[in-house]
Every structure is written in C-alpha cells, then in structure tokens.
Protein backbone atom coordinates (compact mmCIF):
# COMPACT_ATOMS: atom_id res chain seq x y z
CA MET A 1 96.13 96.19 59.61
CA LYS A 2 99.94 95.94 60.64
CA ILE A 3 101.99 99.13 61.83
CA THR A 4 105.53 98.90 62.37
CA LEU A 5 108.29 101.30 62.69
CA SER A 6 110.87 101.26 60.21
CA LYS A 7 114.45 102.59 59.91
CA ASP A 8 114.30 102.61 56.17
CA SER A 9 114.70 106.36 54.50
CA PRO A 10 112.09 107.54 52.31
CA VAL A 11 113.90 106.87 49.32
CA ASN A 12 114.25 103.66 50.21
CA ALA A 13 110.77 102.30 51.54
CA ASN A 14 109.65 99.58 49.69
CA VAL A 15 105.94 100.28 49.83
CA ASP A 16 103.03 101.08 47.17
CA LEU A 17 102.51 104.53 48.40
CA LEU A 18 105.07 106.99 50.18
CA VAL A 19 103.49 109.97 51.91
CA VAL A 20 105.67 112.98 53.23
CA GLY A 21 104.70 115.81 55.30
CA VAL A 22 105.71 119.32 54.07
CA SER A 23 105.82 122.69 55.65
CA SER A 24 104.48 125.65 53.74
CA LYS A 25 107.78 127.49 54.55
CA ARG A 26 109.54 127.16 51.27
CA PRO A 27 108.68 123.72 50.48
CA ALA A 28 110.23 123.03 47.41
CA GLN A 29 113.50 123.99 49.63
CA ASP A 30 112.83 121.36 52.24
CA PRO A 31 115.92 118.77 52.45
CA LEU A 32 113.91 116.05 52.26
CA VAL A 33 111.73 117.24 49.24
CA ARG A 34 115.00 118.11 47.20
CA LYS A 35 116.18 114.57 48.21
CA LEU A 36 112.82 113.19 46.72
CA ASP A 37 112.96 115.35 43.77
CA ARG A 38 116.49 114.12 42.68
CA ALA A 39 115.32 110.45 43.25
CA VAL A 40 112.52 111.28 40.47
CA GLY A 41 114.77 113.21 38.13
CA GLY A 42 113.45 116.49 39.02
CA ALA A 43 109.69 115.34 38.57
CA LEU A 44 108.78 116.41 42.12
CA VAL A 45 109.74 120.13 42.16
CA THR A 46 107.99 120.65 38.64
CA ALA A 47 105.01 118.98 39.63
CA MET A 48 104.93 121.31 42.96
CA LYS A 49 104.97 124.30 40.78
CA ASP A 50 102.60 122.92 38.25
CA GLU A 51 100.04 122.11 40.75
CA GLU A 52 100.69 125.30 43.01
CA PHE A 53 101.58 123.24 45.96
CA LYS A 54 102.33 125.30 48.62
CA GLY A 55 102.39 123.05 51.78
CA LYS A 56 99.08 124.53 53.29
CA ALA A 57 97.81 122.48 55.91
CA GLY A 58 95.85 119.23 54.14
CA GLN A 59 96.94 120.01 50.88
CA THR A 60 98.03 117.00 48.85
CA LEU A 61 100.14 116.31 45.63
CA ARG A 62 100.49 112.91 43.97
CA LEU A 63 103.04 111.54 41.46
CA PRO A 64 104.39 108.33 40.37
CA GLY A 65 107.38 107.04 42.12
CA SER A 66 109.64 106.51 39.16
CA GLY A 67 113.30 106.52 38.94
CA ARG A 68 115.42 105.64 42.21
CA LEU A 69 112.43 105.70 44.29
CA LYS A 70 111.42 102.27 45.64
CA ALA A 71 107.82 103.34 46.30
CA LYS A 72 105.42 102.70 43.39
CA LYS A 73 103.71 106.28 44.09
CA LEU A 74 104.22 109.37 46.09
CA MET A 75 102.25 111.75 47.93
CA LEU A 76 102.96 115.25 49.58
CA VAL A 77 100.62 116.39 52.40
CA GLY A 78 100.81 119.99 53.23
CA LEU A 79 101.51 120.88 57.10
CA GLY A 80 101.11 124.41 57.11
CA ASP A 81 103.55 126.98 58.63
CA GLY A 82 105.25 126.65 61.89
CA SER A 83 105.47 123.85 64.09
CA PRO A 84 102.35 121.41 63.09
CA SER A 85 99.63 120.92 65.85
CA ALA A 86 98.34 117.46 66.95
CA ALA A 87 95.17 118.43 64.92
CA THR A 88 97.63 118.94 61.63
CA LEU A 89 99.62 115.62 62.58
CA ARG A 90 96.26 113.81 63.00
CA LEU A 91 94.92 115.29 59.43
CA TYR A 92 98.30 114.17 57.90
CA ALA A 93 98.07 110.55 59.02
CA VAL A 94 94.45 110.29 58.20
CA LYS A 95 94.90 111.56 54.56
CA ALA A 96 98.05 109.16 54.11
CA ALA A 97 95.55 106.20 55.21
CA ARG A 98 92.80 107.10 52.99
CA ALA A 99 95.05 107.52 50.09
CA ALA A 100 96.72 104.45 50.59
CA ALA A 101 93.32 102.55 51.37
CA GLU A 102 93.40 100.15 48.37
CA LYS A 103 97.17 100.15 47.62
CA GLY A 104 98.17 97.58 50.12
CA SER A 105 101.27 99.19 52.16
CA LEU A 106 102.02 102.64 53.06
CA GLY A 107 105.33 104.38 54.09
CA LEU A 108 104.58 107.45 56.21
CA HIS A 109 107.31 109.67 57.15
CA ALA A 110 107.37 110.21 60.91
CA LEU A 111 108.67 113.79 60.83
CA ASP A 112 110.44 114.51 63.98
CA GLY A 113 109.78 111.16 65.32
CA SER A 114 109.05 112.47 68.75
CA GLU A 115 106.64 110.35 70.96
CA ASP A 116 104.11 112.76 70.70
CA THR A 117 104.06 113.06 66.87
CA LEU A 118 104.43 109.05 66.78
CA ALA A 119 101.15 108.51 69.14
CA VAL A 120 99.10 110.87 66.65
CA LEU A 121 100.24 109.11 63.41
CA GLY A 122 99.43 105.75 65.07
CA GLU A 123 95.95 106.90 65.81
CA GLY A 124 95.73 109.03 62.61
CA VAL A 125 96.38 106.07 60.29
CA THR A 126 94.27 103.86 62.29
CA THR A 127 91.05 105.92 62.19
CA GLY A 128 92.18 106.96 58.65
CA ALA A 129 91.84 103.42 57.25
CA TYR A 130 88.76 102.50 58.75
CA LYS A 131 85.80 101.26 56.76
CA TYR A 132 82.43 99.93 57.74
CA THR A 133 81.94 96.82 55.74
CA ARG A 134 79.91 94.84 57.98
CA TYR A 135 77.18 93.98 55.40
CA PHE A 136 78.83 94.00 52.26
CA THR A 137 78.89 90.48 50.42
CA GLY A 138 79.92 89.16 46.81
CA ALA A 139 81.21 91.87 44.72
CA ARG A 140 80.49 94.81 47.11
CA LYS A 141 82.84 93.15 49.51
CA PRO A 142 86.26 95.19 49.32
CA LYS A 143 88.97 93.02 47.48
CA LYS A 144 91.77 95.00 48.73
CA GLN A 145 92.83 97.13 51.90
CA LEU A 146 95.75 98.56 53.69
CA GLY A 147 97.48 95.77 55.18
CA ARG A 148 100.56 97.39 56.24
CA VAL A 149 101.98 100.65 57.26
CA ALA A 150 105.39 101.54 57.97
CA ILE A 151 106.14 104.62 59.85
CA LEU A 152 109.69 105.78 58.88
CA VAL A 153 111.42 106.85 62.17
CA GLY A 154 114.82 107.27 60.23
CA GLY A 155 116.81 105.08 62.64
CA ARG A 156 116.43 102.17 64.86
CA PRO A 157 113.03 102.26 66.74
CA THR A 158 113.23 102.98 70.61
CA ALA A 159 110.81 101.41 73.19
CA ALA A 160 109.64 104.53 73.70
CA GLN A 161 108.75 104.95 70.15
CA ARG A 162 107.03 101.60 70.23
CA ARG A 163 105.17 102.76 73.34
CA ALA A 164 104.03 105.81 71.65
CA ILE A 165 102.63 103.99 68.94
CA ALA A 166 100.64 101.59 71.13
CA SER A 167 99.08 104.66 72.46
CA GLY A 168 97.89 105.91 69.55
CA LEU A 169 96.42 102.54 68.60
CA ALA A 170 94.61 102.45 71.76
CA LEU A 171 92.87 105.75 71.08
CA ALA A 172 92.40 104.65 67.63
CA ASP A 173 90.69 101.62 68.56
CA SER A 174 88.35 103.39 70.92
CA VAL A 175 87.34 105.71 68.41
CA ASN A 176 86.60 103.22 65.87
CA LEU A 177 84.65 101.08 68.10
CA ALA A 178 82.20 103.98 68.43
CA ARG A 179 82.15 104.45 64.77
CA ASP A 180 81.02 100.92 64.43
CA LEU A 181 78.47 101.22 67.01
CA VAL A 182 76.79 104.27 65.40
CA ASN A 183 76.96 102.47 61.92
CA THR A 184 75.07 99.29 62.96
CA PRO A 185 71.70 99.45 62.39
CA ALA A 186 68.91 99.10 64.82
CA ASN A 187 67.73 95.65 64.18
CA ASP A 188 71.20 94.55 65.18
CA LEU A 189 71.86 97.07 67.95
CA THR A 190 69.21 96.94 70.43
CA ALA A 191 69.46 98.49 74.07
CA THR A 192 70.35 94.68 75.08
CA ASN A 193 72.97 94.49 72.11
CA LEU A 194 74.72 97.56 73.36
CA ALA A 195 74.58 96.53 77.11
CA ASP A 196 76.27 93.23 75.79
CA ILE A 197 78.84 94.69 73.85
CA ALA A 198 79.78 97.40 76.70
CA GLN A 199 80.26 94.40 78.92
CA ALA A 200 82.35 92.46 76.74
CA GLU A 201 84.61 95.46 76.00
CA ALA A 202 84.87 96.17 79.60
CA LYS A 203 85.85 92.79 80.28
CA GLU A 204 88.51 92.74 77.74
CA ALA A 205 89.87 96.12 79.00
CA GLY A 206 89.74 94.85 82.68
CA ILE A 207 87.35 97.31 84.01
CA GLY A 208 84.20 97.06 85.79
CA CYS A 209 80.56 97.18 84.10
CA LYS A 210 77.44 97.08 85.79
CA ILE A 211 74.12 96.08 83.36
CA TYR A 212 70.66 97.22 84.98
CA ASP A 213 67.97 95.29 83.24
CA LYS A 214 64.02 96.86 83.26
CA ARG A 215 63.28 95.26 86.58
CA ALA A 216 66.56 96.56 88.19
CA ILE A 217 66.21 100.13 86.66
CA LYS A 218 62.54 100.16 88.31
CA LYS A 219 64.29 99.45 91.47
CA LEU A 220 67.09 101.97 90.86
CA GLY A 221 64.37 104.53 90.26
CA MET A 222 64.78 105.66 86.84
CA PRO A 223 60.98 106.78 85.92
CA LEU A 224 61.84 108.86 82.65
CA LEU A 225 63.93 106.06 81.08
CA LEU A 226 61.15 103.97 81.55
CA ALA A 227 58.44 106.23 80.41
CA VAL A 228 60.33 106.66 77.10
CA ASN A 229 60.55 102.84 76.83
CA GLN A 230 56.66 102.34 77.55
CA GLY A 231 56.08 102.19 73.44
CA SER A 232 58.87 99.57 72.86
CA HIS A 233 58.59 95.72 73.05
CA GLU A 234 62.56 95.91 73.46
CA GLU A 235 63.74 96.10 77.18
CA PRO A 236 65.89 99.16 78.25
CA ARG A 237 69.07 98.68 79.75
CA PHE A 238 71.46 101.06 82.11
CA ILE A 239 74.91 100.82 81.73
CA HIS A 240 77.61 101.66 84.26
CA MET A 241 81.15 101.13 83.25
CA THR A 242 84.05 102.27 85.82
CA TYR A 243 87.68 102.20 85.31
CA LYS A 244 89.85 103.28 88.52
CA PRO A 245 93.48 103.66 87.93
CA LYS A 246 95.75 101.42 90.08
CA GLY A 247 98.08 102.81 92.51
CA VAL A 248 96.77 106.40 92.44
CA LYS A 249 95.56 108.00 95.48
CA LYS A 250 92.42 110.00 95.18
CA PRO A 251 92.29 110.63 91.50
CA PRO A 252 89.96 113.20 89.90
CA ARG A 253 86.94 111.39 89.35
CA VAL A 254 84.98 112.24 85.71
CA VAL A 255 81.68 110.86 84.95
CA PHE A 256 80.74 110.71 81.32
CA VAL A 257 76.76 110.31 80.29
CA GLY A 258 75.76 109.21 76.73
CA LYS A 259 72.25 109.43 75.20
CA GLY A 260 71.81 105.59 74.14
CA LEU A 261 68.54 105.90 71.96
CA THR A 262 69.07 102.81 69.60
CA PHE A 263 66.03 104.00 67.20
CA ASP A 264 63.91 107.29 67.56
CA SER A 265 60.77 107.02 65.71
CA GLY A 266 59.64 110.18 67.53
CA GLY A 267 57.01 108.12 69.65
CA LEU A 268 53.30 109.29 69.01
CA CYS A 269 55.14 112.40 67.63
CA LEU A 270 55.58 110.66 65.01
CA LYS A 271 58.72 111.62 62.78
CA PRO A 272 58.47 112.29 58.85
CA ALA A 273 59.56 108.88 57.06
CA ALA A 274 62.62 110.61 55.86
CA ALA A 275 63.67 111.93 59.23
CA MET A 276 63.64 108.42 60.40
CA LEU A 277 66.04 106.82 58.13
CA ASP A 278 69.23 107.36 59.78
CA MET A 279 67.74 107.51 63.43
CA LYS A 280 69.83 104.51 64.37
CA ILE A 281 72.43 107.14 65.28
CA ASP A 282 70.62 108.44 68.01
CA MET A 283 72.90 106.50 70.40
CA ALA A 284 76.02 108.22 69.15
CA GLY A 285 76.21 109.90 72.65
CA SER A 286 76.48 106.42 74.11
CA ALA A 287 79.11 105.40 71.57
CA THR A 288 81.27 108.37 72.50
CA THR A 289 80.74 107.53 76.31
CA ILE A 290 81.88 103.96 75.89
CA GLY A 291 84.69 104.63 73.60
CA THR A 292 85.90 107.42 75.99
CA VAL A 293 85.79 104.96 79.18
CA LEU A 294 87.68 102.28 77.51
CA ALA A 295 90.43 104.56 75.93
CA ALA A 296 91.29 105.90 79.43
CA ALA A 297 91.65 102.40 80.47
CA ARG A 298 93.67 101.28 77.75
CA LEU A 299 95.82 104.39 78.07
CA ARG A 300 95.97 103.72 81.91
CA LEU A 301 95.37 107.49 82.64
CA PRO A 302 95.52 108.31 86.31
CA ILE A 303 91.89 109.44 86.31
CA GLU A 304 88.79 107.63 87.63
CA VAL A 305 86.37 107.68 84.74
CA HIS A 306 82.74 106.49 84.71
CA ALA A 307 80.61 105.98 81.82
CA LEU A 308 76.82 106.02 82.28
CA VAL A 309 74.29 105.13 79.58
CA GLY A 310 70.57 104.86 79.57
CA SER A 311 69.41 102.93 76.79
CA THR A 312 66.01 102.24 74.84
CA ASP A 313 64.47 102.98 71.55
CA ASN A 314 61.40 105.24 71.16
CA MET A 315 58.58 103.62 69.67
CA ASN A 316 54.92 104.01 69.34
CA GLY A 317 53.34 100.91 70.72
CA SER A 318 49.96 100.72 72.47
CA ASN A 319 51.43 101.63 75.77
CA ALA A 320 53.69 104.71 74.49
CA TYR A 321 53.74 107.44 76.74
CA ARG A 322 51.81 110.50 75.67
CA PRO A 323 52.07 114.43 75.23
CA GLY A 324 50.57 115.74 78.24
CA ASP A 325 51.56 113.01 80.56
CA VAL A 326 53.34 113.78 83.92
CA PHE A 327 56.22 111.54 85.44
CA PRO A 328 58.51 111.95 88.12
CA SER A 329 62.15 111.83 87.77
CA ARG A 330 65.10 110.19 89.69
CA ASN A 331 65.91 113.50 91.37
CA GLY A 332 62.25 113.99 92.50
CA LYS A 333 61.10 116.65 90.12
CA THR A 334 58.37 116.11 88.08
CA VAL A 335 58.03 116.49 84.34
CA GLU A 336 55.16 117.21 81.91
CA ILE A 337 55.56 115.80 78.61
CA ILE A 338 55.23 118.27 75.70
CA ASN A 339 56.69 116.49 72.70
CA THR A 340 57.49 112.62 72.55
CA ASP A 341 60.18 113.29 69.97
CA ALA A 342 62.26 114.94 72.75
CA GLU A 343 62.92 111.79 74.58
CA GLY A 344 66.57 112.06 74.83
CA ARG A 345 66.66 114.64 77.52
CA LEU A 346 64.52 112.47 79.61
CA VAL A 347 66.49 109.58 79.29
CA LEU A 348 69.49 111.96 80.22
CA ALA A 349 67.91 113.43 83.11
CA ASP A 350 67.68 110.25 85.04
CA ALA A 351 71.35 109.37 84.05
CA LEU A 352 72.51 112.72 85.07
CA ALA A 353 70.86 112.50 88.47
CA PHE A 354 72.52 109.24 89.06
CA ALA A 355 76.05 110.73 88.22
CA THR A 356 75.64 113.38 90.78
CA GLU A 357 75.42 110.72 93.27
CA LEU A 358 78.76 109.42 92.52
CA LYS A 359 80.24 112.77 93.82
CA PRO A 360 82.24 113.61 90.74
CA ASP A 361 84.75 116.42 90.01
CA TYR A 362 83.02 116.82 86.56
CA VAL A 363 79.95 115.30 84.73
CA ILE A 364 80.18 115.71 80.99
CA ASP A 365 77.39 114.33 78.76
CA HIS A 366 77.44 113.58 75.04
CA ALA A 367 74.06 113.39 73.00
CA THR A 368 72.71 113.78 69.64
CA LEU A 369 69.92 115.90 71.58
CA THR A 370 68.71 118.57 69.10
CA GLY A 371 67.80 119.41 65.37
CA ALA A 372 68.03 122.83 66.43
CA CYS A 373 71.73 122.14 66.88
CA LEU A 374 72.17 121.37 63.18
CA VAL A 375 70.31 124.64 62.21
CA ALA A 376 72.39 126.57 64.47
CA LEU A 377 75.96 125.29 64.01
CA GLY A 378 75.83 123.07 60.80
CA ALA A 379 76.90 119.17 60.52
CA TYR A 380 80.76 119.71 61.22
CA ARG A 381 80.51 121.56 64.55
CA ALA A 382 78.95 120.43 67.90
CA ALA A 383 77.43 122.77 70.68
CA MET A 384 78.95 122.98 74.11
CA PHE A 385 77.36 124.34 77.14
CA ALA A 386 78.90 124.44 80.81
CA ASN A 387 77.77 125.82 84.08
CA ASP A 388 81.39 126.42 85.09
CA GLU A 389 83.74 128.75 83.24
CA GLU A 390 87.07 126.90 83.66
CA LEU A 391 85.36 123.59 82.87
CA LEU A 392 84.23 125.44 79.55
CA ALA A 393 87.67 126.78 78.73
CA ASP A 394 89.47 123.59 79.37
CA TYR A 395 87.09 121.59 77.09
CA GLN A 396 87.60 123.98 74.39
CA ALA A 397 91.28 123.93 74.84
CA ALA A 398 91.18 120.18 74.55
CA ALA A 399 88.95 120.26 71.53
CA GLU A 400 91.15 122.46 69.38
CA ARG A 401 94.12 120.02 70.24
CA SER A 402 92.25 117.40 69.19
CA GLY A 403 91.03 119.05 65.91
CA GLU A 404 87.11 118.42 66.50
CA ASP A 405 85.20 121.64 66.39
CA PHE A 406 82.62 122.75 69.15
CA TRP A 407 81.05 126.29 69.72
CA ASN A 408 80.19 127.45 72.97
CA LEU A 409 76.45 128.41 73.54
CA PRO A 410 75.03 130.07 76.63
CA LEU A 411 72.77 128.64 79.37
CA ASP A 412 70.79 131.73 78.85
CA ASP A 413 68.39 132.26 81.77
CA ASP A 414 66.06 134.29 80.04
CA LEU A 415 64.77 131.33 78.32
CA LYS A 416 64.15 129.29 81.36
CA ASP A 417 60.43 130.47 81.86
CA GLN A 418 59.46 128.33 78.70
CA LEU A 419 60.26 125.12 80.91
CA LYS A 420 57.56 126.31 83.52
CA SER A 421 54.73 123.86 83.75
CA SER A 422 51.23 124.72 84.87
CA ILE A 423 50.73 121.08 86.33
CA ALA A 424 54.16 119.94 87.17
CA ASP A 425 57.57 121.29 88.05
CA LEU A 426 59.02 121.11 84.51
CA LYS A 427 57.90 121.11 80.86
CA HIS A 428 60.38 119.08 78.91
CA THR A 429 60.59 121.37 76.07
CA GLY A 430 60.31 125.07 75.28
CA ALA A 431 59.40 127.05 72.31
CA ARG A 432 60.89 126.29 68.58
CA TYR A 433 63.39 129.26 68.94
CA GLY A 434 66.44 128.42 70.88
CA GLY A 435 65.75 124.96 71.19
CA THR A 436 69.47 123.81 71.81
CA ILE A 437 69.64 126.02 74.75
CA THR A 438 66.18 125.27 76.49
CA ALA A 439 67.19 121.54 75.89
CA ALA A 440 70.39 122.52 78.03
CA LEU A 441 68.38 124.38 80.37
CA PHE A 442 66.19 121.22 81.15
CA LEU A 443 69.36 118.90 81.67
CA ARG A 444 70.97 121.43 84.13
CA GLU A 445 67.90 120.85 86.55
CA PHE A 446 69.36 117.43 86.92
CA VAL A 447 73.00 118.12 87.75
CA GLY A 448 72.91 119.71 91.07
CA ASP A 449 75.95 121.80 92.35
CA CYS A 450 78.11 119.65 89.99
CA LYS A 451 80.55 120.93 87.47
CA TRP A 452 78.94 119.98 84.24
CA ALA A 453 79.31 120.22 80.56
CA HIS A 454 76.55 119.05 77.69
CA LEU A 455 77.77 118.62 74.32
CA ASP A 456 75.23 118.11 71.67
CA ILE A 457 76.85 116.23 68.91
CA ALA A 458 73.66 115.93 66.67
CA GLY A 459 75.68 117.39 63.70
CA PRO A 460 79.21 115.68 63.62
CA SER A 461 78.61 112.35 65.04
CA TYR A 462 77.34 111.08 61.51
CA LEU A 463 78.30 112.70 58.34
CA GLU A 464 76.98 112.07 54.95
CA ARG A 465 80.53 112.60 53.51
CA ILE A 466 84.16 112.58 54.66
CA HIS A 467 85.15 116.04 56.20
CA GLY A 468 88.40 116.63 57.61
CA ILE A 469 89.42 113.73 59.91
CA HIS A 470 86.12 112.12 60.02
CA PRO A 471 85.03 109.53 57.62
CA LYS A 472 81.35 109.15 55.96
CA GLY A 473 78.83 107.56 58.30
CA GLY A 474 79.72 107.42 62.27
CA THR A 475 82.84 109.24 63.24
CA GLY A 476 83.24 108.61 66.94
CA PHE A 477 83.26 112.34 67.25
CA GLY A 478 84.11 113.33 70.90
CA VAL A 479 86.26 110.48 71.81
CA VAL A 480 89.53 112.17 71.18
CA THR A 481 88.46 115.65 72.60
CA ALA A 482 87.31 113.60 75.71
CA ILE A 483 90.84 112.11 76.18
CA GLU A 484 92.56 115.26 75.90
CA PHE A 485 90.46 117.00 78.55
CA LEU A 486 91.26 114.09 81.04
CA ARG A 487 94.95 114.05 79.74
CA GLY A 488 94.69 117.91 81.10
CA LEU A 489 93.86 116.90 84.40
CA THR A 490 96.86 114.95 85.21
C-alpha cells in the first residue's frame, strides 16, 4: 500500500472512496459538508437527515459520489463533539481503510493537517488496512486490496508533514508485525522461529539482539523457564533486544517483558480440546514486547528500551514438569508447582528477575496470563496492576490517549496467603477466585524494588470479531499504549 500526501481538494480527489471526518456540532452546517453536498446535488444532506447521521464518534454514512465529485463513493465518519482526540482520529482512519479495503484507492481528508493529526492518520490507515492472508490460496486469496491512499492536506505538503506520516507508519508497522506473530500458527512459530524473527527485525532496525539457546539459558540461570520446557521436544529461547538512543546522556531505561508461550496445551493439567484451539496466541505478550522496542527504535525515541522474552511451548511429553514439583527461580526463591496450566507466570518470573538486574527505571510486562481476567473484564479490556501509583496513573493516561482499554486492579495483599507453600517459598497459583490478582501477586515476588506494571492482555490480544480499532484475530494490543507511555517520559 502506497500512502501519499495530496494537495487535491476532496471534491477533486480522483479515488474509489473519499472519506471525510465530521464533527457532531451541527454536522450539516460544516463548510466542507456543504461543499460536498453541492457537488452531489443536495444528496448528502438529504442522506444525513434520512439516516440520522449526527456525527457521533465512529458513526458512518455512505453514498455514491455522483455529480461533480470525482470520487466514485463518499463516506462520512463522525468525530464527536469538540476537538477530536488521538483515539478518535485513529478510529476515523481505521474505519476509512476498512471501508476502502477492496476498492483500490482511498482519499482521506486530513482535517487540520497538523503533524500530530497526520501521524495518527498514517498509523490508522496502515493498521486499518491490515489483513492476515498468509495461508490463503486459489479462490481464497484476496483478488483486490487497498493499493493507494491519498491523504488530502489541502496544499503543498511540507517536509514536517511527510515526517509525521513516516512516524505513523513506523508505529503501524510495529503493530502489524505483532499481529502477524500472534496470527501465525504454532507449527510455524516455535520458540526458535520467534527468536529468529526477533533477531532479523532487530538487525533491520539497527538495534541489539542477543538470543540464548537452551544451554545458554541453563548457564544464565532460569530454572523456571526450563521447567516449563521439560515436556517439549522444541528448545526454549530467551530473547534480549536492546535499543539505545544515540546522543542522549543518561536516558530513562525501560524494560518490557513478554510472555512467549508459542503453544499451551496445559501440560499434564491438560486443557479441554476446545480451549486449546487458539493457544497459538499465548505468545501475544512477546509480540507486543517485540513490537514496542522496534517502534521505539524506528521512532528514535530518546529512551533506552529493552525487550525480554522467555519463549517455549508447554507440552506434556514424558519429561513434563508435574503438579507438586518444586523448582528454584533465578532470584533464588523456590516455587511449588500447583497447576501446570499456569506456566506463563513461571516463565515471566525468571525474565522479571533478569529485568531487575538491568537497573531499569521501569519494568512493564505484557502477558496473556489468566482466563480469570477474561471473566472479570471481558474480551475488550486488559487488566493493569502496578506497585507504584505514579506509574499506574501515567500508564492509564497513555492508554486513554491510545484508545486501548485497560482497567486498574489491586495488588490485594489479603490474597497473598494463598501463595504460601508448606514445602517451598511460594505456590505459583492461588484459589479460583481472584485468580488474576494472585497471578500478579506471584509476579511481584520477582521484581524487587523496581517500579513495575503488569498488564494482563488475555482478552484484547486476540478477538473473534472486529472491535473498534482492532481487527479480528491478533490485534497487536498494547504497542500503541506502550509508545504513548514512553513518549510521556521525554
């Protein structure tokens, strides 16, 4: 898909679909709406009345581009009242790209044409056009796709506007990579494959990447990661990607940690067959983590960013770890295994302990950690925990700017006793109720004094249908919020 900035007016844009954003404040009186209405012989305002188009955020109206309008079709997208937020602009661009997906070309009105607006629009049309088609063949392979996007800036594009678009594309490419990783089936995305992709992407972005194989992981001292891997014939991998900004003295250092379970059978505590079907997605936390460090590098943020991923699958081979087993961890605490289907927190525990040794200002982990999170919050919202109130507030503000939905949950110490073991330092799971909270409390045991946030993205990382800015399938959820948080540190 090619994105260009165009000086054409909406009336003169020769595209298959023209999309214009409209405020809910007297939408029929908007000067551009009136101009378009005259071009189509009054049909636009009539359609707005007939279809009760009020300009509410995300509301759409479509009609043919007959008359003097060069576009074949026209669509209005509501922007709500007042100045549109970044989240509203992102939804505007995503809806435009989806509507034009099989039409060939899109003309998107740039609204105020500011650099901030253009960055979001460039990002939105790129993520909105996303489709995962790797395995389609023959008649199932898409015959037509969105090939050209003209963002209508109303004048000769400036260098600053072009840089803004490039910034949006850099972020979008990172989100779409995360989606690709989540959508790839487990037979084509083992821990080794994931590590190879991370290394290749890091090389292209010009950042550091160190990959630890099984022997190196043993030397590194990650017994919990190795315990989860015991039942698999696939080797585990530990991935450490590093972006360091050039010319910045003592930048903030943020370490992102991602759960990288490329498939989760449940181990000896076997999942029901239906529950296994989508377990290729159990590495979505790693996809978000990898996408985040790559986006930070592509955007040249003045922040030092690390990405850590412990990766394996969780299988039930003859050497699989068992309920009742006890293993040490990287930070020395011993852990009694209660349920082998709660493997993600074990892999994260060793990675979080490693993260603290990097002396970060913040540690942020992403994980599809608990089904209890889906029960509590549904499919569209992630849970957020933090041991620092300022970090919690800053991350929530970043989420609101991004349009991704999180909900703060407590690190409730009243539930901590559930993790007491009679034979080890910790049990790794608690009782059924409050399962998302006890999982977070377990992780907290491995972060020491670091300022830390745990993001349980079990719901929104993979969706059964389109919702808001997110597509069906892998969503890349969390990358945009993470970048908004990093930008807030500058």
